[in-house]
Amino acid sequence: MGTYMPARPTKFCLACNRVIDAEAVVCTSCGVMQPLPRELATEKRILPAGLLCFFLGVFGAHRFYVGKIGTGLLQLFTLGGLGIWMLVDLIMLVSGEFKDKEGNRITEWT
C-alpha cells in the first residue's frame, strides 16, 4: 500500500504563471520573488529598518522599529553586542531573513 501524501495548496507564479506551492517565496521555475500571503505579511519594511540598523544599530533602533523592545534594550545596553549583533542584524535584513515581533519575515523594501 502506498503512503498518503496530503495535497499542499498551490498558487500561480506572478511572472511565468506556472503552478507553485502556495507558501513559496520564489518561483522554482523562473526565480521571481512572490508576495507573502496576507496573514504572513507585515507592515514593516526593509529600507527603514536597514537605515536604522546602519546608522543607529548599536542602540537597537531597528529592533524598536519592528517591535522587539526587549532585544532592543539589550542592544542599547551592550552597544549592539559591541557592533557584532548589529552587523548580523544588518545582514539578516538585507537578505530578507529578519523577523518582526510576530515572527513574520520583513521582505518588502518600501
PDB file of N, CA and C in Angstrom:
ATOM      1  N   MET A   1       0.839  -1.166   0.000  1.00  0.00           N
ATOM      2  CA  MET A   1       0.000   0.000   0.000  1.00  0.00           C
ATOM      3  C   MET A   1       0.890   1.238   0.000  1.00  0.00           C
ATOM      4  N   GLY A   2       0.543   2.262  -0.786  1.00  0.00           N
ATOM      5  CA  GLY A   2       1.319   3.491  -0.867  1.00  0.00           C
ATOM      6  C   GLY A   2       1.062   4.386   0.336  1.00  0.00           C
ATOM      7  N   THR A   3       1.954   5.303   0.530  1.00  0.00           N
ATOM      8  CA  THR A   3       1.776   6.246   1.631  1.00  0.00           C
ATOM      9  C   THR A   3       0.922   7.409   1.173  1.00  0.00           C
ATOM     10  N   TYR A   4       0.163   7.922   2.076  1.00  0.00           N
ATOM     11  CA  TYR A   4      -0.724   9.047   1.785  1.00  0.00           C
ATOM     12  C   TYR A   4       0.046  10.355   1.923  1.00  0.00           C
ATOM     13  N   MET A   5       0.038  11.154   0.894  1.00  0.00           N
ATOM     14  CA  MET A   5       0.681  12.465   0.908  1.00  0.00           C
ATOM     15  C   MET A   5      -0.410  13.518   0.749  1.00  0.00           C
ATOM     16  N   PRO A   6      -0.672  14.307   1.797  1.00  0.00           N
ATOM     17  CA  PRO A   6      -1.719  15.324   1.665  1.00  0.00           C
ATOM     18  C   PRO A   6      -1.333  16.364   0.619  1.00  0.00           C
ATOM     19  N   ALA A   7      -2.306  16.820  -0.117  1.00  0.00           N
ATOM     20  CA  ALA A   7      -2.069  17.829  -1.152  1.00  0.00           C
ATOM     21  C   ALA A   7      -1.821  19.186  -0.497  1.00  0.00           C
ATOM     22  N   ARG A   8      -0.758  19.853  -0.944  1.00  0.00           N
ATOM     23  CA  ARG A   8      -0.458  21.181  -0.436  1.00  0.00           C
ATOM     24  C   ARG A   8      -1.154  22.200  -1.310  1.00  0.00           C
ATOM     25  N   PRO A   9      -1.572  23.326  -0.730  1.00  0.00           N
ATOM     26  CA  PRO A   9      -2.205  24.365  -1.543  1.00  0.00           C
ATOM     27  C   PRO A   9      -1.202  24.954  -2.543  1.00  0.00           C
ATOM     28  N   THR A  10      -1.703  25.381  -3.678  1.00  0.00           N
ATOM     29  CA  THR A  10      -0.855  25.937  -4.727  1.00  0.00           C
ATOM     30  C   THR A  10      -1.339  27.321  -5.125  1.00  0.00           C
ATOM     31  N   LYS A  11      -0.506  28.004  -5.909  1.00  0.00           N
ATOM     32  CA  LYS A  11      -0.854  29.305  -6.485  1.00  0.00           C
ATOM     33  C   LYS A  11      -0.109  29.423  -7.807  1.00  0.00           C
ATOM     34  N   PHE A  12      -0.416  30.475  -8.556  1.00  0.00           N
ATOM     35  CA  PHE A  12       0.255  30.716  -9.823  1.00  0.00           C
ATOM     36  C   PHE A  12       1.354  31.750  -9.634  1.00  0.00           C
ATOM     37  N   CYS A  13       2.498  31.520 -10.280  1.00  0.00           N
ATOM     38  CA  CYS A  13       3.599  32.481 -10.254  1.00  0.00           C
ATOM     39  C   CYS A  13       3.145  33.758 -10.941  1.00  0.00           C
ATOM     40  N   LEU A  14       3.520  34.890 -10.378  1.00  0.00           N
ATOM     41  CA  LEU A  14       3.122  36.177 -10.942  1.00  0.00           C
ATOM     42  C   LEU A  14       3.833  36.487 -12.252  1.00  0.00           C
ATOM     43  N   ALA A  15       4.977  35.877 -12.502  1.00  0.00           N
ATOM     44  CA  ALA A  15       5.749  36.177 -13.709  1.00  0.00           C
ATOM     45  C   ALA A  15       5.514  35.161 -14.822  1.00  0.00           C
ATOM     46  N   CYS A  16       5.684  33.871 -14.521  1.00  0.00           N
ATOM     47  CA  CYS A  16       5.599  32.851 -15.578  1.00  0.00           C
ATOM     48  C   CYS A  16       4.275  32.098 -15.571  1.00  0.00           C
ATOM     49  N   ASN A  17       3.431  32.330 -14.581  1.00  0.00           N
ATOM     50  CA  ASN A  17       2.085  31.752 -14.470  1.00  0.00           C
ATOM     51  C   ASN A  17       2.088  30.231 -14.298  1.00  0.00           C
ATOM     52  N   ARG A  18       3.190  29.657 -13.817  1.00  0.00           N
ATOM     53  CA  ARG A  18       3.230  28.220 -13.530  1.00  0.00           C
ATOM     54  C   ARG A  18       2.704  27.969 -12.123  1.00  0.00           C
ATOM     55  N   VAL A  19       2.225  26.766 -11.896  1.00  0.00           N
ATOM     56  CA  VAL A  19       1.700  26.389 -10.589  1.00  0.00           C
ATOM     57  C   VAL A  19       2.878  26.129  -9.653  1.00  0.00           C
ATOM     58  N   ILE A  20       2.852  26.799  -8.477  1.00  0.00           N
ATOM     59  CA  ILE A  20       3.890  26.622  -7.466  1.00  0.00           C
ATOM     60  C   ILE A  20       3.227  26.432  -6.111  1.00  0.00           C
ATOM     61  N   ASP A  21       4.000  26.048  -5.132  1.00  0.00           N
ATOM     62  CA  ASP A  21       3.500  25.881  -3.771  1.00  0.00           C
ATOM     63  C   ASP A  21       2.975  27.220  -3.253  1.00  0.00           C
ATOM     64  N   ALA A  22       1.874  27.207  -2.524  1.00  0.00           N
ATOM     65  CA  ALA A  22       1.250  28.442  -2.046  1.00  0.00           C
ATOM     66  C   ALA A  22       2.138  29.210  -1.070  1.00  0.00           C
ATOM     67  N   GLU A  23       3.062  28.526  -0.393  1.00  0.00           N
ATOM     68  CA  GLU A  23       3.941  29.196   0.557  1.00  0.00           C
ATOM     69  C   GLU A  23       5.298  29.530  -0.040  1.00  0.00           C
ATOM     70  N   ALA A  24       5.460  29.322  -1.341  1.00  0.00           N
ATOM     71  CA  ALA A  24       6.743  29.596  -1.989  1.00  0.00           C
ATOM     72  C   ALA A  24       7.038  31.091  -1.983  1.00  0.00           C
ATOM     73  N   VAL A  25       8.273  31.420  -1.663  1.00  0.00           N
ATOM     74  CA  VAL A  25       8.720  32.807  -1.662  1.00  0.00           C
ATOM     75  C   VAL A  25       9.315  33.151  -3.023  1.00  0.00           C
ATOM     76  N   VAL A  26       9.896  32.145  -3.689  1.00  0.00           N
ATOM     77  CA  VAL A  26      10.499  32.307  -5.007  1.00  0.00           C
ATOM     78  C   VAL A  26       9.947  31.220  -5.920  1.00  0.00           C
ATOM     79  N   CYS A  27       9.620  31.587  -7.155  1.00  0.00           N
ATOM     80  CA  CYS A  27       9.151  30.601  -8.137  1.00  0.00           C
ATOM     81  C   CYS A  27      10.295  29.653  -8.468  1.00  0.00           C
ATOM     82  N   THR A  28      10.016  28.361  -8.433  1.00  0.00           N
ATOM     83  CA  THR A  28      11.048  27.373  -8.728  1.00  0.00           C
ATOM     84  C   THR A  28      11.344  27.274 -10.215  1.00  0.00           C
ATOM     85  N   SER A  29      10.476  27.820 -11.044  1.00  0.00           N
ATOM     86  CA  SER A  29      10.692  27.782 -12.494  1.00  0.00           C
ATOM     87  C   SER A  29      11.478  28.984 -12.996  1.00  0.00           C
ATOM     88  N   CYS A  30      11.038  30.201 -12.620  1.00  0.00           N
ATOM     89  CA  CYS A  30      11.667  31.408 -13.183  1.00  0.00           C
ATOM     90  C   CYS A  30      12.500  32.184 -12.168  1.00  0.00           C
ATOM     91  N   GLY A  31      12.371  31.885 -10.865  1.00  0.00           N
ATOM     92  CA  GLY A  31      13.179  32.541  -9.844  1.00  0.00           C
ATOM     93  C   GLY A  31      12.669  33.897  -9.387  1.00  0.00           C
ATOM     94  N   VAL A  32      11.463  34.292  -9.769  1.00  0.00           N
ATOM     95  CA  VAL A  32      10.913  35.590  -9.392  1.00  0.00           C
ATOM     96  C   VAL A  32      10.326  35.510  -7.981  1.00  0.00           C
ATOM     97  N   MET A  33      10.632  36.541  -7.167  1.00  0.00           N
ATOM     98  CA  MET A  33      10.093  36.608  -5.802  1.00  0.00           C
ATOM     99  C   MET A  33       8.565  36.702  -5.849  1.00  0.00           C
ATOM    100  N   GLN A  34       7.917  36.011  -4.942  1.00  0.00           N
ATOM    101  CA  GLN A  34       6.464  36.015  -4.846  1.00  0.00           C
ATOM    102  C   GLN A  34       6.048  36.743  -3.574  1.00  0.00           C
ATOM    103  N   PRO A  35       4.915  37.458  -3.595  1.00  0.00           N
ATOM    104  CA  PRO A  35       4.473  38.131  -2.371  1.00  0.00           C
ATOM    105  C   PRO A  35       4.048  37.110  -1.325  1.00  0.00           C
ATOM    106  N   LEU A  36       4.216  37.486  -0.074  1.00  0.00           N
ATOM    107  CA  LEU A  36       3.783  36.614   1.018  1.00  0.00           C
ATOM    108  C   LEU A  36       2.272  36.682   1.163  1.00  0.00           C
ATOM    109  N   PRO A  37       1.646  35.614   1.652  1.00  0.00           N
ATOM    110  CA  PRO A  37       0.214  35.666   1.922  1.00  0.00           C
ATOM    111  C   PRO A  37      -0.096  36.771   2.923  1.00  0.00           C
ATOM    112  N   ARG A  38      -1.273  37.330   2.835  1.00  0.00           N
ATOM    113  CA  ARG A  38      -1.670  38.455   3.703  1.00  0.00           C
ATOM    114  C   ARG A  38      -1.474  38.143   5.188  1.00  0.00           C
ATOM    115  N   GLU A  39      -1.773  36.906   5.594  1.00  0.00           N
ATOM    116  CA  GLU A  39      -1.661  36.572   7.016  1.00  0.00           C
ATOM    117  C   GLU A  39      -0.214  36.509   7.483  1.00  0.00           C
ATOM    118  N   LEU A  40       0.750  36.381   6.562  1.00  0.00           N
ATOM    119  CA  LEU A  40       2.157  36.355   6.934  1.00  0.00           C
ATOM    120  C   LEU A  40       2.860  37.682   6.671  1.00  0.00           C
ATOM    121  N   ALA A  41       2.159  38.610   6.061  1.00  0.00           N
ATOM    122  CA  ALA A  41       2.768  39.893   5.706  1.00  0.00           C
ATOM    123  C   ALA A  41       2.858  40.794   6.933  1.00  0.00           C
ATOM    124  N   THR A  42       3.805  41.718   6.903  1.00  0.00           N
ATOM    125  CA  THR A  42       3.970  42.695   7.966  1.00  0.00           C
ATOM    126  C   THR A  42       4.028  44.074   7.330  1.00  0.00           C
ATOM    127  N   GLU A  43       3.640  45.082   8.076  1.00  0.00           N
ATOM    128  CA  GLU A  43       3.697  46.444   7.534  1.00  0.00           C
ATOM    129  C   GLU A  43       5.096  47.049   7.662  1.00  0.00           C
ATOM    130  N   LYS A  44       5.987  46.383   8.340  1.00  0.00           N
ATOM    131  CA  LYS A  44       7.366  46.860   8.482  1.00  0.00           C
ATOM    132  C   LYS A  44       8.125  46.640   7.179  1.00  0.00           C
ATOM    133  N   ARG A  45       9.056  47.517   6.872  1.00  0.00           N
ATOM    134  CA  ARG A  45       9.786  47.471   5.607  1.00  0.00           C
ATOM    135  C   ARG A  45      11.287  47.373   5.843  1.00  0.00           C
ATOM    136  N   ILE A  46      12.009  46.804   4.865  1.00  0.00           N
ATOM    137  CA  ILE A  46      13.452  46.603   4.970  1.00  0.00           C
ATOM    138  C   ILE A  46      14.208  47.919   4.954  1.00  0.00           C
ATOM    139  N   LEU A  47      13.835  48.848   4.062  1.00  0.00           N
ATOM    140  CA  LEU A  47      14.596  50.091   3.915  1.00  0.00           C
ATOM    141  C   LEU A  47      14.671  50.896   5.209  1.00  0.00           C
ATOM    142  N   PRO A  48      13.545  51.227   5.865  1.00  0.00           N
ATOM    143  CA  PRO A  48      13.677  51.979   7.118  1.00  0.00           C
ATOM    144  C   PRO A  48      14.399  51.190   8.215  1.00  0.00           C
ATOM    145  N   ALA A  49      14.123  49.891   8.302  1.00  0.00           N
ATOM    146  CA  ALA A  49      14.799  49.073   9.314  1.00  0.00           C
ATOM    147  C   ALA A  49      16.290  48.997   9.026  1.00  0.00           C
ATOM    148  N   GLY A  50      16.656  48.863   7.755  1.00  0.00           N
ATOM    149  CA  GLY A  50      18.067  48.802   7.379  1.00  0.00           C
ATOM    150  C   GLY A  50      18.803  50.103   7.658  1.00  0.00           C
ATOM    151  N   LEU A  51      18.150  51.231   7.355  1.00  0.00           N
ATOM    152  CA  LEU A  51      18.772  52.530   7.635  1.00  0.00           C
ATOM    153  C   LEU A  51      18.934  52.747   9.136  1.00  0.00           C
ATOM    154  N   LEU A  52      17.907  52.372   9.895  1.00  0.00           N
ATOM    155  CA  LEU A  52      18.014  52.479  11.355  1.00  0.00           C
ATOM    156  C   LEU A  52      19.133  51.586  11.879  1.00  0.00           C
ATOM    157  N   CYS A  53      19.247  50.387  11.324  1.00  0.00           N
ATOM    158  CA  CYS A  53      20.294  49.463  11.758  1.00  0.00           C
ATOM    159  C   CYS A  53      21.673  50.001  11.401  1.00  0.00           C
ATOM    160  N   PHE A  54      21.824  50.550  10.196  1.00  0.00           N
ATOM    161  CA  PHE A  54      23.123  51.038   9.756  1.00  0.00           C
ATOM    162  C   PHE A  54      23.577  52.243  10.577  1.00  0.00           C
ATOM    163  N   PHE A  55      22.669  53.212  10.800  1.00  0.00           N
ATOM    164  CA  PHE A  55      23.057  54.444  11.476  1.00  0.00           C
ATOM    165  C   PHE A  55      22.909  54.390  13.000  1.00  0.00           C
ATOM    166  N   LEU A  56      21.892  53.670  13.495  1.00  0.00           N
ATOM    167  CA  LEU A  56      21.637  53.641  14.937  1.00  0.00           C
ATOM    168  C   LEU A  56      21.564  52.215  15.488  1.00  0.00           C
ATOM    169  N   GLY A  57      22.150  51.271  14.752  1.00  0.00           N
ATOM    170  CA  GLY A  57      22.055  49.862  15.138  1.00  0.00           C
ATOM    171  C   GLY A  57      22.687  49.532  16.468  1.00  0.00           C
ATOM    172  N   VAL A  58      23.746  50.226  16.829  1.00  0.00           N
ATOM    173  CA  VAL A  58      24.378  49.937  18.122  1.00  0.00           C
ATOM    174  C   VAL A  58      23.464  50.317  19.281  1.00  0.00           C
ATOM    175  N   PHE A  59      22.447  51.122  19.002  1.00  0.00           N
ATOM    176  CA  PHE A  59      21.466  51.490  20.035  1.00  0.00           C
ATOM    177  C   PHE A  59      20.186  50.670  19.923  1.00  0.00           C
ATOM    178  N   GLY A  60      20.128  49.735  18.966  1.00  0.00           N
ATOM    179  CA  GLY A  60      18.967  48.860  18.812  1.00  0.00           C
ATOM    180  C   GLY A  60      17.759  49.519  18.185  1.00  0.00           C
ATOM    181  N   ALA A  61      17.924  50.629  17.472  1.00  0.00           N
ATOM    182  CA  ALA A  61      16.786  51.377  16.923  1.00  0.00           C
ATOM    183  C   ALA A  61      15.948  50.527  15.971  1.00  0.00           C
ATOM    184  N   HIS A  62      16.579  49.688  15.168  1.00  0.00           N
ATOM    185  CA  HIS A  62      15.845  48.846  14.225  1.00  0.00           C
ATOM    186  C   HIS A  62      14.994  47.812  14.947  1.00  0.00           C
ATOM    187  N   ARG A  63      15.454  47.347  16.083  1.00  0.00           N
ATOM    188  CA  ARG A  63      14.670  46.378  16.863  1.00  0.00           C
ATOM    189  C   ARG A  63      13.452  47.045  17.497  1.00  0.00           C
ATOM    190  N   PHE A  64      13.605  48.289  17.937  1.00  0.00           N
ATOM    191  CA  PHE A  64      12.443  49.020  18.440  1.00  0.00           C
ATOM    192  C   PHE A  64      11.432  49.233  17.311  1.00  0.00           C
ATOM    193  N   TYR A  65      11.926  49.521  16.094  1.00  0.00           N
ATOM    194  CA  TYR A  65      11.058  49.754  14.928  1.00  0.00           C
ATOM    195  C   TYR A  65      10.190  48.536  14.625  1.00  0.00           C
ATOM    196  N   VAL A  66      10.739  47.328  14.715  1.00  0.00           N
ATOM    197  CA  VAL A  66       9.967  46.124  14.390  1.00  0.00           C
ATOM    198  C   VAL A  66       9.202  45.581  15.593  1.00  0.00           C
ATOM    199  N   GLY A  67       9.299  46.246  16.729  1.00  0.00           N
ATOM    200  CA  GLY A  67       8.515  45.864  17.901  1.00  0.00           C
ATOM    201  C   GLY A  67       9.221  44.939  18.873  1.00  0.00           C
ATOM    202  N   LYS A  68      10.501  44.665  18.666  1.00  0.00           N
ATOM    203  CA  LYS A  68      11.252  43.785  19.569  1.00  0.00           C
ATOM    204  C   LYS A  68      11.902  44.651  20.657  1.00  0.00           C
ATOM    205  N   ILE A  69      11.092  45.078  21.609  1.00  0.00           N
ATOM    206  CA  ILE A  69      11.536  46.018  22.637  1.00  0.00           C
ATOM    207  C   ILE A  69      12.596  45.400  23.550  1.00  0.00           C
ATOM    208  N   GLY A  70      12.405  44.155  23.955  1.00  0.00           N
ATOM    209  CA  GLY A  70      13.346  43.502  24.874  1.00  0.00           C
ATOM    210  C   GLY A  70      14.747  43.388  24.301  1.00  0.00           C
ATOM    211  N   THR A  71      14.851  42.881  23.074  1.00  0.00           N
ATOM    212  CA  THR A  71      16.172  42.763  22.466  1.00  0.00           C
ATOM    213  C   THR A  71      16.705  44.126  22.041  1.00  0.00           C
ATOM    214  N   GLY A  72      15.800  45.070  21.791  1.00  0.00           N
ATOM    215  CA  GLY A  72      16.242  46.440  21.518  1.00  0.00           C
ATOM    216  C   GLY A  72      16.938  47.032  22.730  1.00  0.00           C
ATOM    217  N   LEU A  73      16.375  46.787  23.905  1.00  0.00           N
ATOM    218  CA  LEU A  73      17.003  47.267  25.144  1.00  0.00           C
ATOM    219  C   LEU A  73      18.347  46.579  25.381  1.00  0.00           C
ATOM    220  N   LEU A  74      18.410  45.276  25.095  1.00  0.00           N
ATOM    221  CA  LEU A  74      19.679  44.564  25.242  1.00  0.00           C
ATOM    222  C   LEU A  74      20.749  45.145  24.317  1.00  0.00           C
ATOM    223  N   GLN A  75      20.354  45.455  23.081  1.00  0.00           N
ATOM    224  CA  GLN A  75      21.320  46.055  22.157  1.00  0.00           C
ATOM    225  C   GLN A  75      21.713  47.450  22.628  1.00  0.00           C
ATOM    226  N   LEU A  76      20.773  48.179  23.186  1.00  0.00           N
ATOM    227  CA  LEU A  76      21.070  49.510  23.691  1.00  0.00           C
ATOM    228  C   LEU A  76      22.116  49.455  24.803  1.00  0.00           C
ATOM    229  N   PHE A  77      21.951  48.514  25.717  1.00  0.00           N
ATOM    230  CA  PHE A  77      22.862  48.433  26.865  1.00  0.00           C
ATOM    231  C   PHE A  77      24.208  47.778  26.533  1.00  0.00           C
ATOM    232  N   THR A  78      24.260  46.993  25.449  1.00  0.00           N
ATOM    233  CA  THR A  78      25.524  46.339  25.078  1.00  0.00           C
ATOM    234  C   THR A  78      26.153  46.975  23.845  1.00  0.00           C
ATOM    235  N   LEU A  79      25.600  48.109  23.407  1.00  0.00           N
ATOM    236  CA  LEU A  79      26.054  48.788  22.192  1.00  0.00           C
ATOM    237  C   LEU A  79      26.036  47.833  20.997  1.00  0.00           C
ATOM    238  N   GLY A  80      24.885  47.204  20.812  1.00  0.00           N
ATOM    239  CA  GLY A  80      24.713  46.295  19.677  1.00  0.00           C
ATOM    240  C   GLY A  80      25.587  45.073  19.771  1.00  0.00           C
ATOM    241  N   GLY A  81      25.845  44.616  20.975  1.00  0.00           N
ATOM    242  CA  GLY A  81      26.758  43.476  21.152  1.00  0.00           C
ATOM    243  C   GLY A  81      28.145  43.832  20.652  1.00  0.00           C
ATOM    244  N   LEU A  82      28.558  45.061  20.999  1.00  0.00           N
ATOM    245  CA  LEU A  82      29.832  45.631  20.552  1.00  0.00           C
ATOM    246  C   LEU A  82      29.926  45.667  19.023  1.00  0.00           C
ATOM    247  N   GLY A  83      28.770  45.867  18.384  1.00  0.00           N
ATOM    248  CA  GLY A  83      28.719  46.015  16.935  1.00  0.00           C
ATOM    249  C   GLY A  83      28.499  44.718  16.184  1.00  0.00           C
ATOM    250  N   ILE A  84      28.776  43.591  16.818  1.00  0.00           N
ATOM    251  CA  ILE A  84      28.648  42.299  16.132  1.00  0.00           C
ATOM    252  C   ILE A  84      27.181  41.953  15.893  1.00  0.00           C
ATOM    253  N   TRP A  85      26.366  42.112  16.934  1.00  0.00           N
ATOM    254  CA  TRP A  85      24.940  41.816  16.850  1.00  0.00           C
ATOM    255  C   TRP A  85      24.298  42.714  15.791  1.00  0.00           C
ATOM    256  N   MET A  86      24.684  43.993  15.763  1.00  0.00           N
ATOM    257  CA  MET A  86      24.157  44.938  14.794  1.00  0.00           C
ATOM    258  C   MET A  86      24.522  44.502  13.371  1.00  0.00           C
ATOM    259  N   LEU A  87      25.742  44.047  13.164  1.00  0.00           N
ATOM    260  CA  LEU A  87      26.186  43.614  11.846  1.00  0.00           C
ATOM    261  C   LEU A  87      25.419  42.374  11.383  1.00  0.00           C
ATOM    262  N   VAL A  88      25.199  41.448  12.279  1.00  0.00           N
ATOM    263  CA  VAL A  88      24.417  40.252  11.947  1.00  0.00           C
ATOM    264  C   VAL A  88      22.992  40.653  11.567  1.00  0.00           C
ATOM    265  N   ASP A  89      22.383  41.561  12.330  1.00  0.00           N
ATOM    266  CA  ASP A  89      21.032  42.028  12.014  1.00  0.00           C
ATOM    267  C   ASP A  89      20.988  42.716  10.657  1.00  0.00           C
ATOM    268  N   LEU A  90      21.989  43.500  10.331  1.00  0.00           N
ATOM    269  CA  LEU A  90      22.036  44.189   9.045  1.00  0.00           C
ATOM    270  C   LEU A  90      22.094  43.177   7.893  1.00  0.00           C
ATOM    271  N   ILE A  91      22.889  42.138   8.046  1.00  0.00           N
ATOM    272  CA  ILE A  91      22.975  41.093   7.024  1.00  0.00           C
ATOM    273  C   ILE A  91      21.633  40.361   6.904  1.00  0.00           C
ATOM    274  N   MET A  92      21.002  40.072   8.032  1.00  0.00           N
ATOM    275  CA  MET A  92      19.703  39.394   8.004  1.00  0.00           C
ATOM    276  C   MET A  92      18.636  40.276   7.351  1.00  0.00           C
ATOM    277  N   LEU A  93      18.684  41.583   7.605  1.00  0.00           N
ATOM    278  CA  LEU A  93      17.727  42.498   6.980  1.00  0.00           C
ATOM    279  C   LEU A  93      17.873  42.505   5.467  1.00  0.00           C
ATOM    280  N   VAL A  94      19.091  42.653   4.994  1.00  0.00           N
ATOM    281  CA  VAL A  94      19.330  42.736   3.552  1.00  0.00           C
ATOM    282  C   VAL A  94      18.997  41.419   2.850  1.00  0.00           C
ATOM    283  N   SER A  95      19.223  40.302   3.522  1.00  0.00           N
ATOM    284  CA  SER A  95      18.933  39.007   2.917  1.00  0.00           C
ATOM    285  C   SER A  95      17.470  38.594   3.044  1.00  0.00           C
ATOM    286  N   GLY A  96      16.659  39.376   3.779  1.00  0.00           N
ATOM    287  CA  GLY A  96      15.237  39.071   3.913  1.00  0.00           C
ATOM    288  C   GLY A  96      14.901  38.053   4.968  1.00  0.00           C
ATOM    289  N   GLU A  97      15.805  37.804   5.898  1.00  0.00           N
ATOM    290  CA  GLU A  97      15.583  36.815   6.955  1.00  0.00           C
ATOM    291  C   GLU A  97      15.212  37.425   8.302  1.00  0.00           C
ATOM    292  N   PHE A  98      15.206  38.747   8.413  1.00  0.00           N
ATOM    293  CA  PHE A  98      14.901  39.413   9.682  1.00  0.00           C
ATOM    294  C   PHE A  98      13.391  39.354   9.923  1.00  0.00           C
ATOM    295  N   LYS A  99      12.989  39.125  11.167  1.00  0.00           N
ATOM    296  CA  LYS A  99      11.568  38.968  11.505  1.00  0.00           C
ATOM    297  C   LYS A  99      11.110  40.053  12.468  1.00  0.00           C
ATOM    298  N   ASP A 100       9.813  40.370  12.399  1.00  0.00           N
ATOM    299  CA  ASP A 100       9.238  41.340  13.324  1.00  0.00           C
ATOM    300  C   ASP A 100       8.816  40.633  14.616  1.00  0.00           C
ATOM    301  N   LYS A 101       8.143  41.352  15.512  1.00  0.00           N
ATOM    302  CA  LYS A 101       7.810  40.769  16.822  1.00  0.00           C
ATOM    303  C   LYS A 101       6.832  39.603  16.729  1.00  0.00           C
ATOM    304  N   GLU A 102       6.029  39.533  15.650  1.00  0.00           N
ATOM    305  CA  GLU A 102       5.097  38.411  15.482  1.00  0.00           C
ATOM    306  C   GLU A 102       5.735  37.223  14.785  1.00  0.00           C
ATOM    307  N   GLY A 103       7.001  37.344  14.393  1.00  0.00           N
ATOM    308  CA  GLY A 103       7.693  36.262  13.719  1.00  0.00           C
ATOM    309  C   GLY A 103       7.548  36.273  12.208  1.00  0.00           C
ATOM    310  N   ASN A 104       6.968  37.355  11.659  1.00  0.00           N
ATOM    311  CA  ASN A 104       6.820  37.478  10.213  1.00  0.00           C
ATOM    312  C   ASN A 104       8.088  38.073   9.613  1.00  0.00           C
ATOM    313  N   ARG A 105       8.564  37.464   8.523  1.00  0.00           N
ATOM    314  CA  ARG A 105       9.757  37.982   7.863  1.00  0.00           C
ATOM    315  C   ARG A 105       9.464  39.309   7.197  1.00  0.00           C
ATOM    316  N   ILE A 106      10.421  40.214   7.283  1.00  0.00           N
ATOM    317  CA  ILE A 106      10.308  41.525   6.627  1.00  0.00           C
ATOM    318  C   ILE A 106      10.926  41.364   5.246  1.00  0.00           C
ATOM    319  N   THR A 107      10.073  41.395   4.208  1.00  0.00           N
ATOM    320  CA  THR A 107      10.562  41.110   2.853  1.00  0.00           C
ATOM    321  C   THR A 107      10.373  42.265   1.881  1.00  0.00           C
ATOM    322  N   GLU A 108       9.524  43.220   2.177  1.00  0.00           N
ATOM    323  CA  GLU A 108       9.263  44.338   1.276  1.00  0.00           C
ATOM    324  C   GLU A 108      10.244  45.470   1.567  1.00  0.00           C
ATOM    325  N   TRP A 109      10.809  46.074   0.499  1.00  0.00           N
ATOM    326  CA  TRP A 109      11.790  47.147   0.687  1.00  0.00           C
ATOM    327  C   TRP A 109      11.131  48.468   1.045  1.00  0.00           C
ATOM    328  N   THR A 110      10.065  48.853   0.343  1.00  0.00           N
ATOM    329  CA  THR A 110       9.413  50.151   0.635  1.00  0.00           C
ATOM    330  C   THR A 110       7.919  49.988   0.753  1.00  0.00           C
TER     331      THR A 110
END
